């Protein structure tokens, strides 16, 4: 049984199409503000790198 609001698998228009789910866990932007000064630049750079990775994957 599918969760409420989820599409019914029996109604899948193209059941031969590949199904993929991508997840990227990253730092919440507000956590960057709470990072100690000496590590803030590195934390920000890591967040930007994650966002660029996602943007590239979605392009």
C-alpha atoms as a PDB file:
ATOM      1  CA  UNK A   1       0.000   0.000   0.000  1.00  0.00           C
ATOM      2  CA  UNK A   2       1.366   3.401  -0.983  1.00  0.00           C
ATOM      3  CA  UNK A   3       1.442   6.333   1.454  1.00  0.00           C
ATOM      4  CA  UNK A   4      -1.360   8.903   1.085  1.00  0.00           C
ATOM      5  CA  UNK A   5      -0.737  11.139  -1.923  1.00  0.00           C
ATOM      6  CA  UNK A   6       1.838   8.799  -3.481  1.00  0.00           C
ATOM      7  CA  UNK A   7       1.184   7.655  -7.034  1.00  0.00           C
ATOM      8  CA  UNK A   8      -0.205   4.159  -7.397  1.00  0.00           C
ATOM      9  CA  UNK A   9       2.533   1.962  -8.934  1.00  0.00           C
ATOM     10  CA  UNK A  10      -0.163   0.154 -10.922  1.00  0.00           C
ATOM     11  CA  UNK A  11      -0.922   3.440 -12.686  1.00  0.00           C
ATOM     12  CA  UNK A  12       2.691   4.041 -13.794  1.00  0.00           C
ATOM     13  CA  UNK A  13       2.536   5.206 -17.418  1.00  0.00           C
ATOM     14  CA  UNK A  14       6.037   4.001 -18.282  1.00  0.00           C
ATOM     15  CA  UNK A  15       6.955   1.091 -16.076  1.00  0.00           C
ATOM     16  CA  UNK A  16      10.085   0.395 -18.154  1.00  0.00           C
ATOM     17  CA  UNK A  17      11.548   3.833 -17.429  1.00  0.00           C
ATOM     18  CA  UNK A  18      14.422   3.890 -14.935  1.00  0.00           C
ATOM     19  CA  UNK A  19      13.481   5.210 -11.526  1.00  0.00           C
ATOM     20  CA  UNK A  20      16.165   7.082  -9.648  1.00  0.00           C
ATOM     21  CA  UNK A  21      16.245   9.024  -6.441  1.00  0.00           C
ATOM     22  CA  UNK A  22      19.202  11.234  -5.628  1.00  0.00           C
ATOM     23  CA  UNK A  23      19.839  12.605  -2.171  1.00  0.00           C
ATOM     24  CA  UNK A  24      22.631  14.891  -1.035  1.00  0.00           C
ATOM     25  CA  UNK A  25      22.888  15.705   2.629  1.00  0.00           C
ATOM     26  CA  UNK A  26      24.653  18.969   3.295  1.00  0.00           C
ATOM     27  CA  UNK A  27      24.998  21.632   5.948  1.00  0.00           C
ATOM     28  CA  UNK A  28      22.061  23.942   6.551  1.00  0.00           C
ATOM     29  CA  UNK A  29      23.105  27.474   5.571  1.00  0.00           C
ATOM     30  CA  UNK A  30      22.341  28.834   9.045  1.00  0.00           C
ATOM     31  CA  UNK A  31      24.876  26.389  10.496  1.00  0.00           C
ATOM     32  CA  UNK A  32      27.581  28.235   8.572  1.00  0.00           C
ATOM     33  CA  UNK A  33      26.783  31.345  10.602  1.00  0.00           C
ATOM     34  CA  UNK A  34      27.256  29.423  13.851  1.00  0.00           C
ATOM     35  CA  UNK A  35      30.550  27.845  12.751  1.00  0.00           C
ATOM     36  CA  UNK A  36      33.585  29.225  14.609  1.00  0.00           C
ATOM     37  CA  UNK A  37      35.389  31.998  12.738  1.00  0.00           C
ATOM     38  CA  UNK A  38      38.467  29.900  11.986  1.00  0.00           C
ATOM     39  CA  UNK A  39      36.393  27.213  10.240  1.00  0.00           C
ATOM     40  CA  UNK A  40      33.674  29.339   8.639  1.00  0.00           C
ATOM     41  CA  UNK A  41      35.403  29.817   5.275  1.00  0.00           C
ATOM     42  CA  UNK A  42      35.935  26.067   4.883  1.00  0.00           C
ATOM     43  CA  UNK A  43      32.336  25.305   5.896  1.00  0.00           C
ATOM     44  CA  UNK A  44      31.024  27.856   3.403  1.00  0.00           C
ATOM     45  CA  UNK A  45      33.243  26.465   0.649  1.00  0.00           C
ATOM     46  CA  UNK A  46      31.955  22.947   1.351  1.00  0.00           C
ATOM     47  CA  UNK A  47      28.339  24.137   1.130  1.00  0.00           C
ATOM     48  CA  UNK A  48      29.002  25.933  -2.153  1.00  0.00           C
ATOM     49  CA  UNK A  49      30.706  22.806  -3.534  1.00  0.00           C
ATOM     50  CA  UNK A  50      27.647  20.719  -2.590  1.00  0.00           C
ATOM     51  CA  UNK A  51      25.287  23.192  -4.252  1.00  0.00           C
ATOM     52  CA  UNK A  52      27.405  23.236  -7.411  1.00  0.00           C
ATOM     53  CA  UNK A  53      27.346  19.433  -7.482  1.00  0.00           C
ATOM     54  CA  UNK A  54      23.557  19.448  -7.308  1.00  0.00           C
ATOM     55  CA  UNK A  55      23.272  22.164  -9.958  1.00  0.00           C
ATOM     56  CA  UNK A  56      25.509  20.127 -12.275  1.00  0.00           C
ATOM     57  CA  UNK A  57      23.503  16.950 -11.653  1.00  0.00           C
ATOM     58  CA  UNK A  58      20.242  18.711 -12.463  1.00  0.00           C
ATOM     59  CA  UNK A  59      21.548  20.449 -15.603  1.00  0.00           C
END
